[in-house]
């Protein structure tokens, strides 16, 4: 059975998709679209500054003394490293 050539028709009449019409309008009026996006960004920035609180950068963590922290973390690393080395030698020794 011979295949019929495909014909692609793009709707342009009243039944055309709204998103297509919007895209075509934006392509024709790209300067207006860019200016509208810039105005929207400035408006959102102004609204955020007026509605939001002040910026604060004073975050602290509860810490241990430096000598105690280094002793406990290095011990943990040594233990985990030894455990990892044992488990990897078990899995690779069977080859």
N, C-alpha and C. Protein backbone atom coordinates (compact mmCIF):
# COMPACT_ATOMS: atom_id res chain seq x y z
N UNK A 1 0.84 -1.17 0.00
CA UNK A 1 0.00 0.00 0.00
C UNK A 1 0.89 1.24 0.00
N UNK A 2 0.80 2.06 -0.99
CA UNK A 2 1.66 3.25 -1.05
C UNK A 2 1.25 4.26 0.02
N UNK A 3 2.26 4.86 0.60
CA UNK A 3 1.97 5.86 1.64
C UNK A 3 1.69 7.20 1.00
N UNK A 4 0.75 7.89 1.57
CA UNK A 4 0.38 9.21 1.06
C UNK A 4 1.30 10.25 1.66
N UNK A 5 1.68 11.23 0.90
CA UNK A 5 2.55 12.28 1.46
C UNK A 5 1.80 13.06 2.54
N UNK A 6 2.52 13.35 3.57
CA UNK A 6 1.91 14.10 4.68
C UNK A 6 1.79 15.57 4.33
N UNK A 7 0.68 16.11 4.66
CA UNK A 7 0.51 17.55 4.49
C UNK A 7 0.30 18.13 5.87
N UNK A 8 1.11 19.09 6.18
CA UNK A 8 0.96 19.75 7.49
C UNK A 8 0.30 21.09 7.27
N UNK A 9 -0.80 21.25 7.91
CA UNK A 9 -1.51 22.51 7.81
C UNK A 9 -1.43 23.20 9.16
N UNK A 10 -1.10 24.45 9.12
CA UNK A 10 -1.07 25.22 10.36
C UNK A 10 -2.32 26.05 10.44
N UNK A 11 -3.06 25.90 11.51
CA UNK A 11 -4.31 26.66 11.62
C UNK A 11 -4.02 28.14 11.82
N UNK A 12 -4.68 28.95 11.04
CA UNK A 12 -4.51 30.39 11.17
C UNK A 12 -5.83 31.11 11.37
N UNK A 13 -6.91 30.39 11.26
CA UNK A 13 -8.23 31.01 11.38
C UNK A 13 -8.66 31.15 12.83
N UNK A 14 -9.95 31.28 13.06
CA UNK A 14 -10.47 31.46 14.41
C UNK A 14 -10.24 30.25 15.31
N UNK A 15 -9.98 29.07 14.72
CA UNK A 15 -9.75 27.87 15.53
C UNK A 15 -8.28 27.69 15.90
N UNK A 16 -7.42 28.61 15.51
CA UNK A 16 -5.98 28.49 15.80
C UNK A 16 -5.75 28.56 17.30
N UNK A 17 -4.72 27.87 17.75
CA UNK A 17 -4.42 27.82 19.17
C UNK A 17 -4.01 29.17 19.73
N UNK A 18 -4.43 29.42 20.95
CA UNK A 18 -4.11 30.69 21.59
C UNK A 18 -2.62 30.85 21.87
N UNK A 19 -1.98 29.73 22.21
CA UNK A 19 -0.55 29.80 22.51
C UNK A 19 0.24 30.13 21.25
N UNK A 20 -0.21 29.61 20.13
CA UNK A 20 0.46 29.93 18.86
C UNK A 20 0.31 31.41 18.54
N UNK A 21 -0.88 31.93 18.71
CA UNK A 21 -1.11 33.36 18.45
C UNK A 21 -0.28 34.22 19.38
N UNK A 22 -0.18 33.81 20.64
CA UNK A 22 0.63 34.56 21.59
C UNK A 22 2.10 34.54 21.18
N UNK A 23 2.60 33.38 20.78
CA UNK A 23 3.99 33.28 20.33
C UNK A 23 4.28 34.12 19.11
N UNK A 24 3.35 34.11 18.17
CA UNK A 24 3.54 34.94 16.97
C UNK A 24 3.54 36.41 17.32
N UNK A 25 2.65 36.83 18.21
CA UNK A 25 2.61 38.23 18.62
C UNK A 25 3.92 38.62 19.30
N UNK A 26 4.42 37.73 20.18
CA UNK A 26 5.67 38.02 20.89
C UNK A 26 6.84 38.11 19.92
N UNK A 27 6.84 37.27 18.89
CA UNK A 27 7.91 37.32 17.90
C UNK A 27 7.86 38.61 17.09
N UNK A 28 6.68 39.08 16.79
CA UNK A 28 6.56 40.32 16.03
C UNK A 28 6.87 41.55 16.87
N UNK A 29 6.58 41.50 18.16
CA UNK A 29 6.75 42.66 19.04
C UNK A 29 7.79 42.36 20.13
N UNK A 30 8.94 41.84 19.72
CA UNK A 30 9.91 41.38 20.71
C UNK A 30 10.44 42.49 21.60
N UNK A 31 10.52 43.72 21.10
CA UNK A 31 11.01 44.82 21.94
C UNK A 31 10.02 45.10 23.07
N UNK A 32 8.75 45.08 22.75
CA UNK A 32 7.72 45.30 23.76
C UNK A 32 7.78 44.19 24.81
N UNK A 33 8.00 42.96 24.36
CA UNK A 33 8.06 41.82 25.29
C UNK A 33 9.25 41.96 26.22
N UNK A 34 10.41 42.32 25.69
CA UNK A 34 11.60 42.47 26.54
C UNK A 34 11.41 43.59 27.55
N UNK A 35 10.86 44.69 27.12
CA UNK A 35 10.61 45.80 28.05
C UNK A 35 9.60 45.39 29.12
N UNK A 36 8.58 44.66 28.73
CA UNK A 36 7.58 44.20 29.70
C UNK A 36 8.21 43.27 30.73
N UNK A 37 9.11 42.35 30.31
CA UNK A 37 9.79 41.48 31.26
C UNK A 37 10.68 42.28 32.21
N UNK A 38 11.39 43.27 31.68
CA UNK A 38 12.24 44.09 32.55
C UNK A 38 11.42 44.88 33.57
N UNK A 39 10.29 45.42 33.13
CA UNK A 39 9.41 46.14 34.05
C UNK A 39 8.88 45.19 35.11
N UNK A 40 8.50 43.99 34.71
CA UNK A 40 7.99 43.00 35.67
C UNK A 40 9.07 42.62 36.68
N UNK A 41 10.32 42.44 36.23
CA UNK A 41 11.41 42.10 37.16
C UNK A 41 11.68 43.22 38.16
N UNK A 42 11.67 44.45 37.68
CA UNK A 42 11.89 45.59 38.58
C UNK A 42 10.74 45.69 39.57
N UNK A 43 9.52 45.49 39.11
CA UNK A 43 8.36 45.56 40.01
C UNK A 43 8.42 44.46 41.06
N UNK A 44 8.79 43.25 40.66
CA UNK A 44 8.91 42.16 41.63
C UNK A 44 10.03 42.42 42.64
N UNK A 45 11.13 42.97 42.18
CA UNK A 45 12.23 43.30 43.08
C UNK A 45 11.78 44.37 44.09
N UNK A 46 11.08 45.38 43.62
CA UNK A 46 10.60 46.43 44.52
C UNK A 46 9.57 45.87 45.51
N UNK A 47 8.69 45.01 45.04
CA UNK A 47 7.70 44.41 45.94
C UNK A 47 8.37 43.52 46.98
N UNK A 48 9.39 42.79 46.57
CA UNK A 48 10.11 41.94 47.51
C UNK A 48 10.83 42.74 48.57
N UNK A 49 11.42 43.85 48.17
CA UNK A 49 12.12 44.69 49.15
C UNK A 49 11.16 45.35 50.13
N UNK A 50 9.99 45.75 49.63
CA UNK A 50 9.06 46.43 50.53
C UNK A 50 8.33 45.44 51.44
N UNK A 51 8.05 44.25 50.96
CA UNK A 51 7.31 43.28 51.76
C UNK A 51 8.23 42.40 52.61
N UNK A 52 9.44 42.19 52.14
CA UNK A 52 10.35 41.29 52.85
C UNK A 52 11.06 41.99 54.00
N UNK A 53 11.70 41.17 54.83
CA UNK A 53 12.46 41.71 55.93
C UNK A 53 13.84 42.13 55.49
N UNK A 54 14.64 42.54 56.45
CA UNK A 54 16.00 42.95 56.13
C UNK A 54 16.88 41.71 56.00
N UNK A 55 17.91 41.83 55.22
CA UNK A 55 18.83 40.72 55.00
C UNK A 55 19.74 40.58 56.21
N UNK A 56 19.89 39.37 56.67
CA UNK A 56 20.74 39.12 57.83
C UNK A 56 21.69 37.98 57.51
N UNK A 57 22.96 38.19 57.83
CA UNK A 57 23.97 37.18 57.54
C UNK A 57 24.74 36.82 58.81
N UNK A 58 24.03 36.54 59.88
CA UNK A 58 24.70 36.19 61.12
C UNK A 58 24.25 34.80 61.57
N UNK A 59 24.75 33.80 60.88
CA UNK A 59 24.42 32.41 61.15
C UNK A 59 25.60 31.77 61.87
N UNK A 60 25.34 31.13 62.99
CA UNK A 60 26.42 30.47 63.71
C UNK A 60 26.00 29.05 64.06
N UNK A 61 26.97 28.19 64.13
CA UNK A 61 26.75 26.81 64.54
C UNK A 61 27.36 26.60 65.91
N UNK A 62 26.77 25.71 66.67
CA UNK A 62 27.35 25.35 67.95
C UNK A 62 28.57 24.48 67.65
N UNK A 63 29.70 24.82 68.18
CA UNK A 63 30.92 24.08 67.88
C UNK A 63 31.52 23.49 69.14
N UNK A 64 32.36 22.51 68.94
CA UNK A 64 33.12 21.93 70.04
C UNK A 64 34.46 22.64 70.11
N UNK A 65 35.23 22.31 71.13
CA UNK A 65 36.57 22.87 71.17
C UNK A 65 37.37 22.27 70.03
N UNK A 66 38.30 23.00 69.45
CA UNK A 66 39.02 22.52 68.27
C UNK A 66 39.76 21.20 68.51
N UNK A 67 40.39 21.03 69.66
CA UNK A 67 41.16 19.80 69.88
C UNK A 67 40.23 18.59 70.00
N UNK A 68 39.09 18.76 70.68
CA UNK A 68 38.16 17.66 70.84
C UNK A 68 37.51 17.29 69.51
N UNK A 69 37.19 18.30 68.71
CA UNK A 69 36.56 18.04 67.41
C UNK A 69 37.51 17.30 66.49
N UNK A 70 38.78 17.68 66.47
CA UNK A 70 39.71 17.01 65.56
C UNK A 70 39.98 15.58 66.00
N UNK A 71 40.02 15.34 67.31
CA UNK A 71 40.26 13.98 67.79
C UNK A 71 39.09 13.08 67.42
N UNK A 72 37.87 13.54 67.63
CA UNK A 72 36.73 12.67 67.36
C UNK A 72 36.53 12.46 65.86
N UNK A 73 36.73 13.49 65.04
CA UNK A 73 36.52 13.32 63.61
C UNK A 73 37.61 12.47 63.00
N UNK A 74 38.86 12.61 63.44
CA UNK A 74 39.91 11.79 62.84
C UNK A 74 39.74 10.34 63.24
N UNK A 75 39.27 10.09 64.45
CA UNK A 75 39.01 8.71 64.86
C UNK A 75 37.89 8.10 64.05
N UNK A 76 36.87 8.86 63.77
CA UNK A 76 35.75 8.38 62.95
C UNK A 76 36.23 8.08 61.54
N UNK A 77 37.05 8.95 61.01
CA UNK A 77 37.55 8.74 59.66
C UNK A 77 38.42 7.48 59.61
N UNK A 78 39.27 7.31 60.62
CA UNK A 78 40.11 6.12 60.63
C UNK A 78 39.27 4.85 60.72
N UNK A 79 38.25 4.86 61.58
CA UNK A 79 37.40 3.67 61.72
C UNK A 79 36.65 3.39 60.43
N UNK A 80 36.07 4.42 59.83
CA UNK A 80 35.31 4.22 58.59
C UNK A 80 36.24 3.80 57.46
N UNK A 81 37.43 4.33 57.42
CA UNK A 81 38.37 3.96 56.37
C UNK A 81 38.77 2.51 56.50
N UNK A 82 39.01 2.04 57.72
CA UNK A 82 39.38 0.64 57.92
C UNK A 82 38.23 -0.27 57.55
N UNK A 83 37.02 0.10 57.91
CA UNK A 83 35.85 -0.71 57.58
C UNK A 83 35.66 -0.77 56.07
N UNK A 84 35.82 0.36 55.39
CA UNK A 84 35.68 0.40 53.94
C UNK A 84 36.76 -0.43 53.27
N UNK A 85 37.98 -0.39 53.79
CA UNK A 85 39.08 -1.16 53.20
C UNK A 85 38.81 -2.65 53.35
N UNK A 86 38.31 -3.07 54.52
CA UNK A 86 38.01 -4.49 54.72
C UNK A 86 36.90 -4.95 53.78
N UNK A 87 35.86 -4.14 53.63
CA UNK A 87 34.73 -4.56 52.79
C UNK A 87 35.14 -4.59 51.32
N UNK A 88 35.99 -3.67 50.87
CA UNK A 88 36.38 -3.69 49.47
C UNK A 88 37.34 -4.84 49.20
N UNK A 89 38.18 -5.23 50.17
CA UNK A 89 39.08 -6.35 49.93
C UNK A 89 38.28 -7.65 49.86
N UNK A 90 37.18 -7.74 50.58
CA UNK A 90 36.35 -8.94 50.51
C UNK A 90 35.66 -9.05 49.16
N UNK A 91 35.22 -7.94 48.62
CA UNK A 91 34.50 -8.01 47.35
C UNK A 91 35.42 -8.21 46.17
N UNK A 92 36.66 -7.74 46.23
CA UNK A 92 37.56 -7.87 45.08
C UNK A 92 38.42 -9.13 45.14
N UNK A 93 38.53 -9.77 46.31
CA UNK A 93 39.42 -10.92 46.41
C UNK A 93 38.84 -12.15 45.74
N UNK A 94 37.56 -12.21 45.45
CA UNK A 94 36.95 -13.38 44.85
C UNK A 94 37.16 -13.44 43.34
N UNK A 95 37.75 -12.43 42.71
CA UNK A 95 37.87 -12.43 41.25
C UNK A 95 39.03 -13.27 40.79
